Amino acid sequence: MARVAHWVKIVLAAAGVTLLVSLLFPLLLTTVYKERVILAVREEFASHSEQRLADFGVRFSLLSHFPNLSIQLTNVSILDKHREKPMEIVGIDQANLVIGTTDLFRKSRTVRKIVLKGIRYKQWVDSTGEKSALAWKAANHSGSEHGNSVAIPEIRIEDATVTIVNGYKKNAFALHIQQADLSGKLVKDGLQLKGTLGGKIEYVKNRTLTMFRNQPFRANVHYAYNPATKTGTFRRSEVILNNSPISLTGSHRKLPEKQGSDLDIGLRGVQPAHKFLAALLPDSLKRYAGDTALKGNVAFQFRMHGRSSATVRAHNNINFRLQARDYRWPKTPVVFQNVQLRGNWNNGSANARETSTLTLHQFQLQCGTDTLAMQGTLTNLVSPVIDATMRGNLSLMQLAQMMNWPGDSLYRGTAAIDLAVRSPLLYSNVANPSPIEPFWQGTLRIQDGCLLFPTPSGRFTALNADIHFIPENNMLRIREVVGKMDGRAFKINGEVINLLRYALGDNTATHPVRTNLAAHWQELDFSKPTPPKARASAPKKIPTATDSLLAGLLFGTEYSAVIQIDRIRLPAGEDLKDLSFVVNKKGAQVRVPQLLCQTTLGGKIAGLGHFQLNQDGIQEPYAALRLSYDQLKLQRLLSLLSGLNKMQATYNRPAAPKRKSRISDYQFDIEVKARKLDYNALRGHDFGVKTVIRDETAQLERLTMNAFGGRLGARGLMKLDELKGIPVKLNVTLQKMDLNQLFRAAEEMNIDVLKSENIRGNVDCSMTLRTELDNDFLPDMNKTTAYTKAAIRQMELIEVQPIQQALRFLPKAKTNHIYFEDVDAQFLLHKNRILMPDLNLTSNLSYLQLDGDYTLNKKAAFLVEISVLDLLFGNNKRRIRQIQDDDTTRMTGGLKNHLMLHRDLGKYRMKMFGRRDFEAHRKSLHYEWQTELSRHKIDTTFAR
């Protein structure tokens, strides 16, 4: 035990001495060698570079790499001193040089290990081409230097960041190396490195693209650098990206002064297709290849050679090949079972985007029996021009889904495509588009097509089209498009000039779209228009060239069309037939200079119109129509106007609240003439009406006709947007209307009043009428209010049974024919009840004052003030002569009697009234009269 304890003491003593030496030796070395190391490093750096080396620290350590000695430089920073404000080019948090402990005191030292931590390297070129980077002086190496090889068995790099930005070329590169384990050898011919690296590519950017963002990588490197020739060479090196190896070979050689480098670098390997192809295509085509649904890999060979500098690009050439299966076309449900692609990308003679060319030697898609084959070139990526051929047969459903047409509405039929194209690509960020005129030549043929649009009359079947692309005038010639819309045949022919240039993006006034079409429809059916249903919100639609085609066709600068439609079914019982009209469009203004058609009930229509057409739809439409009939039923005209209003209302109410497709500020001026008119019991001739329809209201400016032996005039308005009825307000004037004919009309309407053979005379009157038209466009008497101010002239009553019945105490010869003085009267009709106050009906029989009310076909009650003595003893013949000679000098005074004439169950009964009761009833009737006038807001001083 004593011996063990003794040895323990010896070991502990040795350890203590070793620890003491380990602690004191670095302190001694720092004290003795620190300034020597700093001086040696600065002298060596100054001999190779004119850039500034900032202050740094030096430490020595035996413990970190025991038993070797570590010389550690901390916070090393190399600055670019040529700029006004020095900027760091290289920064190193720690640089450790590991050597043998005894080598410190020898002239020749062996480097055992180099460890670099926290490296930052930045290189940038400003917009003028001025470069800031790590730069070395030219060195004159003698042949005796490095006669013996020096091996560095281990070089460790941890946490290194490389950032390169070129503002002149508009590109950038950032790389983060998490760890690199390398070994090096310094031989007579230079430096040799090999080993592994791991980390991630932060990004690779150019003008329009960011690639490999946060992309992990691994690399095996074999690199040699010859300082005599300033040449670096890669051999048997590879980079692993996306789990795919890419071999790296080639060399770079420094050129004299500021000429840059001579490059000859090659890459070969495979990469995911969607990432690789997105780097090659211009913006307008990226979405077709840059979609993650493209699961295939691209095999490629890349070579970069020639001079490269801060302002000069090297020559780049890429050959690539792709064969993929089950590729989903971006943003669509279309899946191609087989995709084959073979092509080349080359940046051309000037090594620039302007001379770059993308060539597709083969691009073939297959989905079942659908095939599409293309080949061609895309040149000048600044002002891109495509030169290609396209052939194939596709189902219309596939084509609709590929082109992202709304609702994938094409769902049956086939399209045969045979096109040759040479055209600029004019997407939005092309600053200087190519002046090359688009060249499109070939055909598009559609067979047995079927479309279903979510609009009224939107089903197209049996669709066949023969469309030709003509190079001259950039023309689209529609040889013939035929089919059926909701089972009714149509045909379209015509030409469209400059549509393709518009579709490609140059939708400016420089190249106006000019359309000239001739269209013929067998029939259109608007008989049951309904507002479109609100649809669920769909994903945001990707703009396509097809959208521009449709926009160009509809919104192009100039448009001309001649359209013929055999029949248009309307919600009313009257349809339109043999419709023909001309449409001319210039800018947003659309004019219809001529419209001609007939109605199925004998009407003729001529008109014109105009409206504004923009991306929000039809704005401020106006139409002036003249309708003429030999014989017209007014109910059908009202039905026609209501039906036209319902048609526009279908498109006036957008399905979604935020849509701007509402038709605004529309106006239709309509003038109608008819030789004969029928409106239930109203019959007339020389009918004329002028109305203005605006905001779903028909403003009746003038209505005239000859009727009932006189002249009728009216004005007012109708509300056409009510769901349960059509409210009407009218001011009507009647001049010299024959009472016999008026009461004949009342008989036909089954109104229980005097029969037409019982009355003679005429009437002038003004009337305020408020009513509501029912489903037959006739006034609903239960919803009718009418105030009438009338002047009745030369009225005679012949064999009126109620009068004869009430005056049966008089001789029949005296009561069977009664003559009346001219009288001014007022009537108020409301809910089938007529109020008549203060009606002075003085006749050959007697003075007669009448107040009362009459319910049509029901009860009646009249207060009668009359002179019974006059009735009994008046000179009847003389009074008749006085009335016929318009002599009103007869006295009406004398004793007056008060009666109540009451009607119930079709019979009239009369009873005597005392004066006090009579006046009480009259006062009550007058109060009711004033109340009703006030409630209906009727101005009796001037009937309106």
Foldseek 3Di string as FASTA:
>chain_A
DVVVVVVVVVVVVVVVVVVVCQVVVQVVCCVVCFVVVVVVVVVVQVQWDPWDKDDWGWTWGCPVDPPWIKIKIAFIFTWHPPDPDIDTAKTFGIWIFTWHPVQVVPPDTATAEIETEDIEGEWEAAQVLDIDHDGTDQDDDDQPPQQDKHKHAWYKYAWHKYKYYQNNQQKIWIWTWHMWIKIWMQHSQGIWIWTKTWGATCWIDHDPDTARHRWTKMKTWTWTAGSVQRKMWTDQIWMQTPNKIKDKTWMWTQDPDQQAIWTWIKIWIKDAFLRVVLVVDAPQCSLQTNDPLRGWIKTKMKIWGGTDGSNAGTKIKMWIWIWGAQRAGGPFRDTFGIWTWTWMWICADRSHLQAIKIWTPWTWTHDPQWIKIKTWMWHRSLQIKTWMWIWIKDFLLNVCRNQQPPPSFWDGWMKTWTKTWIGTQCDDPNPDHDPDQIAIFDWIWTAQTWGADQAAQGTWTRWIWIWTQHRVQRKIWTCWIWTAGVRWIKIKGWMKGPLQVQLSPPQDPVGFIAIEMEMEIAEAEPQDFDAGAADDDDPDGDDGSVVSSVCSQQQTAWYKYWYFYAWYHWVFPKTKGGWIWMWIHGHQKIWTQWIWIAIPVAKTKIKIWIFGQDPLATEATEMEMEIEGQEEEVLRVVRVVLRVLSVLVNQQDDNDPPRSNHYPNYKYWYKYFYQWYDYQLWIFGRWIWIWMATPQKTWTPWIWTDTQNWIKIKTWMWRSPDDFWIKTKMKMWTDFHWQLSVQCSVVSVVWPDDHSVFKTWTKTKIKIKIFIAGPSRDGDLQGIKMKMKMKTAFMKGAQDPQQCVAVVVADPVLRRIKTWAIWIWMWIRHRQKIWTAFTFTAILQWTWTWGWMDRTPFKIKIKIKTDVCSNVDNDSVVSVVCRVVVNDPDDRDDDIWIKMWIDHPHHTDIDGDDPVVSVVVNVVSVVVVVVVCVVVVADPVDGD
